[in-house]
């Protein structure tokens, strides 16, 4: 999960590329529900291979190093004004990206009871 989150922040920041898989329904309705409602994100929703462990995501290495890298990426992300494109939801504004960063991280921390 640590490496998955780090890869997702890399894509969001434009550091890592992910092939777009957006469709009109995901870019509009799902994006709005995910970012503008308090509805919890469901578990088991497939992600893009570039951030999925065992497919194209960064494999885990040293726990301390991986955690430190994620922490650095989160801090850098919070200070950004320019972002990459979300592979499923397309272009997001800064506010939407910050909501995504919080909701995505919270989703996975809750998944593991943290």
PDB file of N, CA and C in Angstrom:
ATOM      1  N   UNK A   1       0.823  -1.184   0.000  1.00  0.00           N
ATOM      2  CA  UNK A   1       0.000   0.000   0.000  1.00  0.00           C
ATOM      3  C   UNK A   1       0.873   1.256   0.000  1.00  0.00           C
ATOM      4  N   UNK A   2       1.994   1.224   0.704  1.00  0.00           N
ATOM      5  CA  UNK A   2       2.894   2.376   0.749  1.00  0.00           C
ATOM      6  C   UNK A   2       3.429   2.681  -0.654  1.00  0.00           C
ATOM      7  N   UNK A   3       3.869   1.657  -1.358  1.00  0.00           N
ATOM      8  CA  UNK A   3       4.404   1.851  -2.715  1.00  0.00           C
ATOM      9  C   UNK A   3       3.297   2.244  -3.687  1.00  0.00           C
ATOM     10  N   UNK A   4       2.103   1.693  -3.521  1.00  0.00           N
ATOM     11  CA  UNK A   4       0.973   2.059  -4.362  1.00  0.00           C
ATOM     12  C   UNK A   4       0.648   3.541  -4.190  1.00  0.00           C
ATOM     13  N   UNK A   5       0.570   4.001  -2.940  1.00  0.00           N
ATOM     14  CA  UNK A   5       0.298   5.419  -2.699  1.00  0.00           C
ATOM     15  C   UNK A   5       1.402   6.292  -3.276  1.00  0.00           C
ATOM     16  N   UNK A   6       2.650   5.898  -3.087  1.00  0.00           N
ATOM     17  CA  UNK A   6       3.766   6.671  -3.633  1.00  0.00           C
ATOM     18  C   UNK A   6       3.660   6.767  -5.157  1.00  0.00           C
ATOM     19  N   UNK A   7       3.369   5.647  -5.817  1.00  0.00           N
ATOM     20  CA  UNK A   7       3.215   5.669  -7.277  1.00  0.00           C
ATOM     21  C   UNK A   7       2.046   6.558  -7.687  1.00  0.00           C
ATOM     22  N   UNK A   8       0.947   6.507  -6.944  1.00  0.00           N
ATOM     23  CA  UNK A   8      -0.216   7.343  -7.264  1.00  0.00           C
ATOM     24  C   UNK A   8       0.131   8.822  -7.126  1.00  0.00           C
ATOM     25  N   UNK A   9       0.885   9.192  -6.087  1.00  0.00           N
ATOM     26  CA  UNK A   9       1.310  10.590  -5.948  1.00  0.00           C
ATOM     27  C   UNK A   9       2.293  10.980  -7.047  1.00  0.00           C
ATOM     28  N   UNK A  10       3.115  10.039  -7.507  1.00  0.00           N
ATOM     29  CA  UNK A  10       4.020  10.324  -8.631  1.00  0.00           C
ATOM     30  C   UNK A  10       3.223  10.614  -9.904  1.00  0.00           C
ATOM     31  N   UNK A  11       2.183   9.818 -10.155  1.00  0.00           N
ATOM     32  CA  UNK A  11       1.328  10.060 -11.330  1.00  0.00           C
ATOM     33  C   UNK A  11       0.624  11.407 -11.184  1.00  0.00           C
ATOM     34  N   UNK A  12       0.060  11.666 -10.010  1.00  0.00           N
ATOM     35  CA  UNK A  12      -0.646  12.928  -9.780  1.00  0.00           C
ATOM     36  C   UNK A  12       0.271  14.130  -9.985  1.00  0.00           C
ATOM     37  N   UNK A  13       1.524  13.974  -9.621  1.00  0.00           N
ATOM     38  CA  UNK A  13       2.491  15.065  -9.734  1.00  0.00           C
ATOM     39  C   UNK A  13       3.119  15.167 -11.121  1.00  0.00           C
ATOM     40  N   UNK A  14       2.840  14.205 -11.985  1.00  0.00           N
ATOM     41  CA  UNK A  14       3.414  14.215 -13.324  1.00  0.00           C
ATOM     42  C   UNK A  14       4.808  13.619 -13.390  1.00  0.00           C
ATOM     43  N   UNK A  15       5.271  13.015 -12.294  1.00  0.00           N
ATOM     44  CA  UNK A  15       6.596  12.398 -12.246  1.00  0.00           C
ATOM     45  C   UNK A  15       6.579  11.051 -12.971  1.00  0.00           C
ATOM     46  N   UNK A  16       5.479  10.342 -12.866  1.00  0.00           N
ATOM     47  CA  UNK A  16       5.302   9.025 -13.484  1.00  0.00           C
ATOM     48  C   UNK A  16       4.082   9.113 -14.400  1.00  0.00           C
ATOM     49  N   UNK A  17       4.176   8.470 -15.532  1.00  0.00           N
ATOM     50  CA  UNK A  17       3.072   8.480 -16.490  1.00  0.00           C
ATOM     51  C   UNK A  17       2.205   7.238 -16.316  1.00  0.00           C
ATOM     52  N   UNK A  18       0.915   7.423 -16.494  1.00  0.00           N
ATOM     53  CA  UNK A  18      -0.026   6.304 -16.505  1.00  0.00           C
ATOM     54  C   UNK A  18      -0.923   6.464 -17.725  1.00  0.00           C
ATOM     55  N   UNK A  19      -1.126   5.367 -18.407  1.00  0.00           N
ATOM     56  CA  UNK A  19      -1.965   5.394 -19.606  1.00  0.00           C
ATOM     57  C   UNK A  19      -3.393   5.785 -19.230  1.00  0.00           C
ATOM     58  N   UNK A  20      -3.982   6.784 -19.899  1.00  0.00           N
ATOM     59  CA  UNK A  20      -5.351   7.185 -19.577  1.00  0.00           C
ATOM     60  C   UNK A  20      -6.356   6.092 -19.909  1.00  0.00           C
ATOM     61  N   UNK A  21      -7.273   5.876 -19.013  1.00  0.00           N
ATOM     62  CA  UNK A  21      -8.354   4.904 -19.227  1.00  0.00           C
ATOM     63  C   UNK A  21      -9.704   5.564 -18.954  1.00  0.00           C
ATOM     64  N   UNK A  22      -9.732   6.885 -19.048  1.00  0.00           N
ATOM     65  CA  UNK A  22     -10.937   7.652 -18.739  1.00  0.00           C
ATOM     66  C   UNK A  22     -12.042   7.367 -19.744  1.00  0.00           C
ATOM     67  N   UNK A  23     -13.263   7.430 -19.258  1.00  0.00           N
ATOM     68  CA  UNK A  23     -14.431   7.399 -20.115  1.00  0.00           C
ATOM     69  C   UNK A  23     -15.363   8.497 -19.612  1.00  0.00           C
ATOM     70  N   UNK A  24     -16.342   8.908 -20.392  1.00  0.00           N
ATOM     71  CA  UNK A  24     -17.200  10.029 -19.988  1.00  0.00           C
ATOM     72  C   UNK A  24     -17.891   9.824 -18.635  1.00  0.00           C
ATOM     73  N   UNK A  25     -18.325   8.622 -18.330  1.00  0.00           N
ATOM     74  CA  UNK A  25     -18.997   8.354 -17.059  1.00  0.00           C
ATOM     75  C   UNK A  25     -18.037   8.532 -15.886  1.00  0.00           C
ATOM     76  N   UNK A  26     -16.817   8.013 -16.019  1.00  0.00           N
ATOM     77  CA  UNK A  26     -15.820   8.147 -14.952  1.00  0.00           C
ATOM     78  C   UNK A  26     -15.375   9.603 -14.797  1.00  0.00           C
ATOM     79  N   UNK A  27     -15.191  10.300 -15.917  1.00  0.00           N
ATOM     80  CA  UNK A  27     -14.725  11.693 -15.858  1.00  0.00           C
ATOM     81  C   UNK A  27     -15.764  12.633 -15.273  1.00  0.00           C
ATOM     82  N   UNK A  28     -17.017  12.254 -15.284  1.00  0.00           N
ATOM     83  CA  UNK A  28     -18.062  13.150 -14.790  1.00  0.00           C
ATOM     84  C   UNK A  28     -18.681  12.624 -13.500  1.00  0.00           C
ATOM     85  N   UNK A  29     -19.534  11.643 -13.608  1.00  0.00           N
ATOM     86  CA  UNK A  29     -20.316  11.192 -12.451  1.00  0.00           C
ATOM     87  C   UNK A  29     -19.455  10.576 -11.354  1.00  0.00           C
ATOM     88  N   UNK A  30     -18.635   9.596 -11.689  1.00  0.00           N
ATOM     89  CA  UNK A  30     -17.831   8.920 -10.662  1.00  0.00           C
ATOM     90  C   UNK A  30     -16.860   9.917 -10.022  1.00  0.00           C
ATOM     91  N   UNK A  31     -16.251  10.739 -10.822  1.00  0.00           N
ATOM     92  CA  UNK A  31     -15.339  11.769 -10.302  1.00  0.00           C
ATOM     93  C   UNK A  31     -16.061  12.674  -9.312  1.00  0.00           C
ATOM     94  N   UNK A  32     -17.262  13.138  -9.678  1.00  0.00           N
ATOM     95  CA  UNK A  32     -18.010  14.038  -8.799  1.00  0.00           C
ATOM     96  C   UNK A  32     -18.355  13.335  -7.482  1.00  0.00           C
ATOM     97  N   UNK A  33     -18.857  12.112  -7.544  1.00  0.00           N
ATOM     98  CA  UNK A  33     -19.213  11.378  -6.332  1.00  0.00           C
ATOM     99  C   UNK A  33     -17.975  11.155  -5.463  1.00  0.00           C
ATOM    100  N   UNK A  34     -16.876  10.747  -6.062  1.00  0.00           N
ATOM    101  CA  UNK A  34     -15.657  10.432  -5.310  1.00  0.00           C
ATOM    102  C   UNK A  34     -15.042  11.656  -4.638  1.00  0.00           C
ATOM    103  N   UNK A  35     -15.148  12.806  -5.277  1.00  0.00           N
ATOM    104  CA  UNK A  35     -14.468  13.991  -4.760  1.00  0.00           C
ATOM    105  C   UNK A  35     -15.380  14.990  -4.049  1.00  0.00           C
ATOM    106  N   UNK A  36     -16.679  14.869  -4.229  1.00  0.00           N
ATOM    107  CA  UNK A  36     -17.581  15.898  -3.700  1.00  0.00           C
ATOM    108  C   UNK A  36     -18.674  15.364  -2.783  1.00  0.00           C
ATOM    109  N   UNK A  37     -18.605  14.094  -2.424  1.00  0.00           N
ATOM    110  CA  UNK A  37     -19.569  13.539  -1.473  1.00  0.00           C
ATOM    111  C   UNK A  37     -18.802  12.820  -0.369  1.00  0.00           C
ATOM    112  N   UNK A  38     -19.451  12.614   0.764  1.00  0.00           N
ATOM    113  CA  UNK A  38     -18.779  11.892   1.854  1.00  0.00           C
ATOM    114  C   UNK A  38     -18.830  10.369   1.704  1.00  0.00           C
ATOM    115  N   UNK A  39     -19.366   9.883   0.600  1.00  0.00           N
ATOM    116  CA  UNK A  39     -19.491   8.443   0.393  1.00  0.00           C
ATOM    117  C   UNK A  39     -18.116   7.773   0.424  1.00  0.00           C
ATOM    118  N   UNK A  40     -17.943   6.732   1.264  1.00  0.00           N
ATOM    119  CA  UNK A  40     -16.645   6.026   1.296  1.00  0.00           C
ATOM    120  C   UNK A  40     -16.349   5.385  -0.051  1.00  0.00           C
ATOM    121  N   UNK A  41     -15.097   5.381  -0.393  1.00  0.00           N
ATOM    122  CA  UNK A  41     -14.688   4.735  -1.637  1.00  0.00           C
ATOM    123  C   UNK A  41     -14.780   3.226  -1.456  1.00  0.00           C
ATOM    124  N   UNK A  42     -15.325   2.531  -2.429  1.00  0.00           N
ATOM    125  CA  UNK A  42     -15.422   1.071  -2.305  1.00  0.00           C
ATOM    126  C   UNK A  42     -14.062   0.398  -2.473  1.00  0.00           C
ATOM    127  N   UNK A  43     -13.911  -0.739  -1.850  1.00  0.00           N
ATOM    128  CA  UNK A  43     -12.684  -1.526  -1.993  1.00  0.00           C
ATOM    129  C   UNK A  43     -12.819  -2.451  -3.192  1.00  0.00           C
ATOM    130  N   UNK A  44     -11.693  -2.818  -3.753  1.00  0.00           N
ATOM    131  CA  UNK A  44     -11.686  -3.767  -4.863  1.00  0.00           C
ATOM    132  C   UNK A  44     -11.869  -3.156  -6.231  1.00  0.00           C
ATOM    133  N   UNK A  45     -11.910  -1.832  -6.313  1.00  0.00           N
ATOM    134  CA  UNK A  45     -12.034  -1.183  -7.618  1.00  0.00           C
ATOM    135  C   UNK A  45     -10.678  -1.274  -8.308  1.00  0.00           C
ATOM    136  N   UNK A  46     -10.627  -1.784  -9.532  1.00  0.00           N
ATOM    137  CA  UNK A  46      -9.333  -1.926 -10.221  1.00  0.00           C
ATOM    138  C   UNK A  46      -8.660  -0.574 -10.440  1.00  0.00           C
ATOM    139  N   UNK A  47      -7.346  -0.592 -10.415  1.00  0.00           N
ATOM    140  CA  UNK A  47      -6.559   0.612 -10.685  1.00  0.00           C
ATOM    141  C   UNK A  47      -5.786   0.412 -11.980  1.00  0.00           C
ATOM    142  N   UNK A  48      -5.049   1.409 -12.366  1.00  0.00           N
ATOM    143  CA  UNK A  48      -4.243   1.295 -13.591  1.00  0.00           C
ATOM    144  C   UNK A  48      -2.970   0.508 -13.284  1.00  0.00           C
ATOM    145  N   UNK A  49      -2.443  -0.226 -14.253  1.00  0.00           N
ATOM    146  CA  UNK A  49      -1.266  -1.081 -14.007  1.00  0.00           C
ATOM    147  C   UNK A  49      -0.040  -0.332 -13.506  1.00  0.00           C
ATOM    148  N   UNK A  50       0.110   0.918 -13.882  1.00  0.00           N
ATOM    149  CA  UNK A  50       1.307   1.683 -13.508  1.00  0.00           C
ATOM    150  C   UNK A  50       1.421   1.918 -11.999  1.00  0.00           C
ATOM    151  N   UNK A  51       0.333   1.747 -11.264  1.00  0.00           N
ATOM    152  CA  UNK A  51       0.367   1.940  -9.806  1.00  0.00           C
ATOM    153  C   UNK A  51      -0.054   0.674  -9.062  1.00  0.00           C
ATOM    154  N   UNK A  52      -0.223  -0.419  -9.786  1.00  0.00           N
ATOM    155  CA  UNK A  52      -0.632  -1.682  -9.161  1.00  0.00           C
ATOM    156  C   UNK A  52       0.580  -2.579  -8.936  1.00  0.00           C
ATOM    157  N   UNK A  53       0.735  -2.997  -7.701  1.00  0.00           N
ATOM    158  CA  UNK A  53       1.858  -3.864  -7.358  1.00  0.00           C
ATOM    159  C   UNK A  53       1.767  -5.169  -8.133  1.00  0.00           C
ATOM    160  N   UNK A  54       2.903  -5.610  -8.630  1.00  0.00           N
ATOM    161  CA  UNK A  54       2.957  -6.845  -9.398  1.00  0.00           C
ATOM    162  C   UNK A  54       2.662  -6.666 -10.868  1.00  0.00           C
ATOM    163  N   UNK A  55       2.266  -5.483 -11.279  1.00  0.00           N
ATOM    164  CA  UNK A  55       1.991  -5.230 -12.695  1.00  0.00           C
ATOM    165  C   UNK A  55       2.951  -4.178 -13.234  1.00  0.00           C
ATOM    166  N   UNK A  56       2.847  -2.950 -12.746  1.00  0.00           N
ATOM    167  CA  UNK A  56       3.740  -1.890 -13.208  1.00  0.00           C
ATOM    168  C   UNK A  56       4.131  -0.948 -12.096  1.00  0.00           C
ATOM    169  N   UNK A  57       3.636  -1.236 -10.894  1.00  0.00           N
ATOM    170  CA  UNK A  57       3.944  -0.390  -9.749  1.00  0.00           C
ATOM    171  C   UNK A  57       5.319  -0.680  -9.181  1.00  0.00           C
ATOM    172  N   UNK A  58       5.794   0.249  -8.384  1.00  0.00           N
ATOM    173  CA  UNK A  58       7.095   0.106  -7.738  1.00  0.00           C
ATOM    174  C   UNK A  58       7.037  -1.021  -6.712  1.00  0.00           C
ATOM    175  N   UNK A  59       7.936  -1.990  -6.791  1.00  0.00           N
ATOM    176  CA  UNK A  59       7.923  -3.079  -5.792  1.00  0.00           C
ATOM    177  C   UNK A  59       8.430  -2.579  -4.437  1.00  0.00           C
ATOM    178  N   UNK A  60       7.903  -3.131  -3.356  1.00  0.00           N
ATOM    179  CA  UNK A  60       8.387  -2.736  -2.032  1.00  0.00           C
ATOM    180  C   UNK A  60       9.871  -3.041  -1.889  1.00  0.00           C
ATOM    181  N   UNK A  61      10.532  -2.169  -1.149  1.00  0.00           N
ATOM    182  CA  UNK A  61      11.952  -2.362  -0.856  1.00  0.00           C
ATOM    183  C   UNK A  61      12.150  -2.316   0.642  1.00  0.00           C
ATOM    184  N   UNK A  62      12.922  -1.370   1.082  1.00  0.00           N
ATOM    185  CA  UNK A  62      13.163  -1.162   2.507  1.00  0.00           C
ATOM    186  C   UNK A  62      11.994  -0.373   3.095  1.00  0.00           C
ATOM    187  N   UNK A  63      11.368  -0.887   4.159  1.00  0.00           N
ATOM    188  CA  UNK A  63      10.180  -0.282   4.758  1.00  0.00           C
ATOM    189  C   UNK A  63      10.408   1.182   5.126  1.00  0.00           C
ATOM    190  N   UNK A  64      11.481   1.479   5.835  1.00  0.00           N
ATOM    191  CA  UNK A  64      11.758   2.847   6.267  1.00  0.00           C
ATOM    192  C   UNK A  64      11.964   3.778   5.070  1.00  0.00           C
ATOM    193  N   UNK A  65      12.695   3.302   4.077  1.00  0.00           N
ATOM    194  CA  UNK A  65      12.946   4.119   2.886  1.00  0.00           C
ATOM    195  C   UNK A  65      11.644   4.365   2.121  1.00  0.00           C
ATOM    196  N   UNK A  66      10.830   3.314   1.961  1.00  0.00           N
ATOM    197  CA  UNK A  66       9.556   3.457   1.246  1.00  0.00           C
ATOM    198  C   UNK A  66       8.629   4.445   1.964  1.00  0.00           C
ATOM    199  N   UNK A  67       8.562   4.362   3.297  1.00  0.00           N
ATOM    200  CA  UNK A  67       7.717   5.285   4.072  1.00  0.00           C
ATOM    201  C   UNK A  67       8.225   6.713   3.970  1.00  0.00           C
ATOM    202  N   UNK A  68       9.538   6.891   4.036  1.00  0.00           N
ATOM    203  CA  UNK A  68      10.128   8.227   3.930  1.00  0.00           C
ATOM    204  C   UNK A  68       9.860   8.824   2.544  1.00  0.00           C
ATOM    205  N   UNK A  69       9.962   7.997   1.509  1.00  0.00           N
ATOM    206  CA  UNK A  69       9.696   8.460   0.137  1.00  0.00           C
ATOM    207  C   UNK A  69       8.240   8.893   0.001  1.00  0.00           C
ATOM    208  N   UNK A  70       7.315   8.115   0.553  1.00  0.00           N
ATOM    209  CA  UNK A  70       5.902   8.486   0.494  1.00  0.00           C
ATOM    210  C   UNK A  70       5.674   9.807   1.219  1.00  0.00           C
ATOM    211  N   UNK A  71       6.265   9.963   2.371  1.00  0.00           N
ATOM    212  CA  UNK A  71       6.120  11.198   3.132  1.00  0.00           C
ATOM    213  C   UNK A  71       6.619  12.401   2.326  1.00  0.00           C
ATOM    214  N   UNK A  72       7.762  12.255   1.689  1.00  0.00           N
ATOM    215  CA  UNK A  72       8.315  13.326   0.858  1.00  0.00           C
ATOM    216  C   UNK A  72       7.377  13.653  -0.295  1.00  0.00           C
ATOM    217  N   UNK A  73       6.861  12.624  -0.963  1.00  0.00           N
ATOM    218  CA  UNK A  73       5.951  12.834  -2.092  1.00  0.00           C
ATOM    219  C   UNK A  73       4.673  13.546  -1.659  1.00  0.00           C
ATOM    220  N   UNK A  74       4.149  13.201  -0.496  1.00  0.00           N
ATOM    221  CA  UNK A  74       2.930  13.856   0.006  1.00  0.00           C
ATOM    222  C   UNK A  74       3.200  15.335   0.278  1.00  0.00           C
ATOM    223  N   UNK A  75       4.313  15.633   0.918  1.00  0.00           N
ATOM    224  CA  UNK A  75       4.644  17.035   1.208  1.00  0.00           C
ATOM    225  C   UNK A  75       4.835  17.827  -0.082  1.00  0.00           C
ATOM    226  N   UNK A  76       5.540  17.259  -1.047  1.00  0.00           N
ATOM    227  CA  UNK A  76       5.745  17.944  -2.323  1.00  0.00           C
ATOM    228  C   UNK A  76       4.412  18.128  -3.058  1.00  0.00           C
ATOM    229  N   UNK A  77       3.569  17.113  -3.023  1.00  0.00           N
ATOM    230  CA  UNK A  77       2.263  17.158  -3.670  1.00  0.00           C
ATOM    231  C   UNK A  77       1.421  18.311  -3.116  1.00  0.00           C
ATOM    232  N   UNK A  78       1.426  18.461  -1.797  1.00  0.00           N
ATOM    233  CA  UNK A  78       0.615  19.493  -1.147  1.00  0.00           C
ATOM    234  C   UNK A  78       1.045  20.905  -1.546  1.00  0.00           C
ATOM    235  N   UNK A  79       2.277  21.066  -1.978  1.00  0.00           N
ATOM    236  CA  UNK A  79       2.797  22.381  -2.356  1.00  0.00           C
ATOM    237  C   UNK A  79       2.662  22.669  -3.851  1.00  0.00           C
ATOM    238  N   UNK A  80       2.259  21.702  -4.639  1.00  0.00           N
ATOM    239  CA  UNK A  80       2.213  21.848  -6.099  1.00  0.00           C
ATOM    240  C   UNK A  80       1.110  22.793  -6.557  1.00  0.00           C
ATOM    241  N   UNK A  81       1.349  23.395  -7.698  1.00  0.00           N
ATOM    242  CA  UNK A  81       0.322  24.168  -8.400  1.00  0.00           C
ATOM    243  C   UNK A  81      -0.038  23.503  -9.723  1.00  0.00           C
ATOM    244  N   UNK A  82       0.880  22.664 -10.234  1.00  0.00           N
ATOM    245  CA  UNK A  82       0.644  21.959 -11.502  1.00  0.00           C
ATOM    246  C   UNK A  82       0.694  20.469 -11.236  1.00  0.00           C
ATOM    247  N   UNK A  83      -0.192  19.752 -11.921  1.00  0.00           N
ATOM    248  CA  UNK A  83      -0.333  18.325 -11.698  1.00  0.00           C
ATOM    249  C   UNK A  83      -0.392  17.591 -13.030  1.00  0.00           C
ATOM    250  N   UNK A  84      -0.221  16.277 -12.964  1.00  0.00           N
ATOM    251  CA  UNK A  84      -0.439  15.441 -14.130  1.00  0.00           C
ATOM    252  C   UNK A  84      -1.941  15.232 -14.307  1.00  0.00           C
ATOM    253  N   UNK A  85      -2.300  14.411 -15.266  1.00  0.00           N
ATOM    254  CA  UNK A  85      -3.710  14.075 -15.472  1.00  0.00           C
ATOM    255  C   UNK A  85      -4.023  12.793 -14.704  1.00  0.00           C
ATOM    256  N   UNK A  86      -5.192  12.743 -14.123  1.00  0.00           N
ATOM    257  CA  UNK A  86      -5.628  11.516 -13.460  1.00  0.00           C
ATOM    258  C   UNK A  86      -5.966  10.509 -14.558  1.00  0.00           C
ATOM    259  N   UNK A  87      -5.462   9.281 -14.481  1.00  0.00           N
ATOM    260  CA  UNK A  87      -5.682   8.332 -15.572  1.00  0.00           C
ATOM    261  C   UNK A  87      -7.143   7.925 -15.759  1.00  0.00           C
ATOM    262  N   UNK A  88      -7.964   8.073 -14.734  1.00  0.00           N
ATOM    263  CA  UNK A  88      -9.369   7.686 -14.841  1.00  0.00           C
ATOM    264  C   UNK A  88     -10.276   8.910 -14.928  1.00  0.00           C
ATOM    265  N   UNK A  89      -9.980   9.948 -14.160  1.00  0.00           N
ATOM    266  CA  UNK A  89     -10.854  11.117 -14.083  1.00  0.00           C
ATOM    267  C   UNK A  89     -10.415  12.288 -14.935  1.00  0.00           C
ATOM    268  N   UNK A  90      -9.282  12.182 -15.605  1.00  0.00           N
ATOM    269  CA  UNK A  90      -8.815  13.247 -16.489  1.00  0.00           C
ATOM    270  C   UNK A  90      -8.185  14.405 -15.729  1.00  0.00           C
ATOM    271  N   UNK A  91      -8.280  15.591 -16.302  1.00  0.00           N
ATOM    272  CA  UNK A  91      -7.676  16.788 -15.707  1.00  0.00           C
ATOM    273  C   UNK A  91      -8.471  17.205 -14.472  1.00  0.00           C
ATOM    274  N   UNK A  92      -7.749  17.471 -13.386  1.00  0.00           N
ATOM    275  CA  UNK A  92      -8.362  17.939 -12.150  1.00  0.00           C
ATOM    276  C   UNK A  92      -7.751  19.281 -11.782  1.00  0.00           C
ATOM    277  N   UNK A  93      -8.537  20.127 -11.132  1.00  0.00           N
ATOM    278  CA  UNK A  93      -8.014  21.379 -10.594  1.00  0.00           C
ATOM    279  C   UNK A  93      -7.242  21.106  -9.307  1.00  0.00           C
ATOM    280  N   UNK A  94      -6.520  22.112  -8.829  1.00  0.00           N
ATOM    281  CA  UNK A  94      -5.707  21.937  -7.620  1.00  0.00           C
ATOM    282  C   UNK A  94      -6.552  21.473  -6.440  1.00  0.00           C
ATOM    283  N   UNK A  95      -7.694  22.087  -6.217  1.00  0.00           N
ATOM    284  CA  UNK A  95      -8.553  21.700  -5.097  1.00  0.00           C
ATOM    285  C   UNK A  95      -8.977  20.236  -5.212  1.00  0.00           C
ATOM    286  N   UNK A  96      -9.373  19.826  -6.414  1.00  0.00           N
ATOM    287  CA  UNK A  96      -9.779  18.429  -6.610  1.00  0.00           C
ATOM    288  C   UNK A  96      -8.604  17.479  -6.376  1.00  0.00           C
ATOM    289  N   UNK A  97      -7.412  17.859  -6.829  1.00  0.00           N
ATOM    290  CA  UNK A  97      -6.251  17.009  -6.596  1.00  0.00           C
ATOM    291  C   UNK A  97      -5.980  16.863  -5.111  1.00  0.00           C
ATOM    292  N   UNK A  98      -6.101  17.948  -4.358  1.00  0.00           N
ATOM    293  CA  UNK A  98      -5.850  17.862  -2.918  1.00  0.00           C
ATOM    294  C   UNK A  98      -6.897  16.998  -2.228  1.00  0.00           C
ATOM    295  N   UNK A  99      -8.153  17.112  -2.648  1.00  0.00           N
ATOM    296  CA  UNK A  99      -9.198  16.238  -2.107  1.00  0.00           C
ATOM    297  C   UNK A  99      -8.869  14.792  -2.461  1.00  0.00           C
ATOM    298  N   UNK A 100      -8.496  14.549  -3.724  1.00  0.00           N
ATOM    299  CA  UNK A 100      -8.114  13.192  -4.138  1.00  0.00           C
ATOM    300  C   UNK A 100      -6.989  12.657  -3.255  1.00  0.00           C
ATOM    301  N   UNK A 101      -5.947  13.457  -3.026  1.00  0.00           N
ATOM    302  CA  UNK A 101      -4.808  13.007  -2.222  1.00  0.00           C
ATOM    303  C   UNK A 101      -5.237  12.575  -0.834  1.00  0.00           C
ATOM    304  N   UNK A 102      -6.090  13.377  -0.203  1.00  0.00           N
ATOM    305  CA  UNK A 102      -6.590  13.020   1.127  1.00  0.00           C
ATOM    306  C   UNK A 102      -7.467  11.766   1.069  1.00  0.00           C
ATOM    307  N   UNK A 103      -8.435  11.749   0.153  1.00  0.00           N
ATOM    308  CA  UNK A 103      -9.397  10.640   0.099  1.00  0.00           C
ATOM    309  C   UNK A 103      -8.720   9.322  -0.282  1.00  0.00           C
ATOM    310  N   UNK A 104      -7.775   9.366  -1.223  1.00  0.00           N
ATOM    311  CA  UNK A 104      -7.092   8.154  -1.651  1.00  0.00           C
ATOM    312  C   UNK A 104      -6.241   7.584  -0.513  1.00  0.00           C
ATOM    313  N   UNK A 105      -5.504   8.459   0.157  1.00  0.00           N
ATOM    314  CA  UNK A 105      -4.680   8.013   1.281  1.00  0.00           C
ATOM    315  C   UNK A 105      -5.550   7.493   2.413  1.00  0.00           C
ATOM    316  N   UNK A 106      -6.598   8.217   2.750  1.00  0.00           N
ATOM    317  CA  UNK A 106      -7.520   7.792   3.809  1.00  0.00           C
ATOM    318  C   UNK A 106      -8.156   6.440   3.472  1.00  0.00           C
ATOM    319  N   UNK A 107      -8.548   6.273   2.224  1.00  0.00           N
ATOM    320  CA  UNK A 107      -9.149   5.013   1.757  1.00  0.00           C
ATOM    321  C   UNK A 107      -8.240   3.824   2.069  1.00  0.00           C
ATOM    322  N   UNK A 108      -6.968   3.955   1.751  1.00  0.00           N
ATOM    323  CA  UNK A 108      -6.045   2.835   1.973  1.00  0.00           C
ATOM    324  C   UNK A 108      -5.635   2.681   3.430  1.00  0.00           C
ATOM    325  N   UNK A 109      -5.514   3.771   4.156  1.00  0.00           N
ATOM    326  CA  UNK A 109      -5.220   3.640   5.589  1.00  0.00           C
ATOM    327  C   UNK A 109      -6.370   2.926   6.307  1.00  0.00           C
ATOM    328  N   UNK A 110      -7.598   3.277   5.980  1.00  0.00           N
ATOM    329  CA  UNK A 110      -8.768   2.594   6.579  1.00  0.00           C
ATOM    330  C   UNK A 110      -8.800   1.120   6.173  1.00  0.00           C
ATOM    331  N   UNK A 111      -8.402   0.844   4.942  1.00  0.00           N
ATOM    332  CA  UNK A 111      -8.379  -0.538   4.440  1.00  0.00           C
ATOM    333  C   UNK A 111      -7.523  -1.425   5.337  1.00  0.00           C
ATOM    334  N   UNK A 112      -6.449  -0.830   5.873  1.00  0.00           N
ATOM    335  CA  UNK A 112      -5.540  -1.592   6.718  1.00  0.00           C
ATOM    336  C   UNK A 112      -5.698  -1.267   8.207  1.00  0.00           C
ATOM    337  N   UNK A 113      -6.804  -0.580   8.538  1.00  0.00           N
ATOM    338  CA  UNK A 113      -7.115  -0.319   9.936  1.00  0.00           C
ATOM    339  C   UNK A 113      -6.205   0.674  10.620  1.00  0.00           C
ATOM    340  N   UNK A 114      -5.610   1.579   9.825  1.00  0.00           N
ATOM    341  CA  UNK A 114      -4.702   2.579  10.411  1.00  0.00           C
ATOM    342  C   UNK A 114      -5.466   3.865  10.653  1.00  0.00           C
TER     343      UNK A 114
END
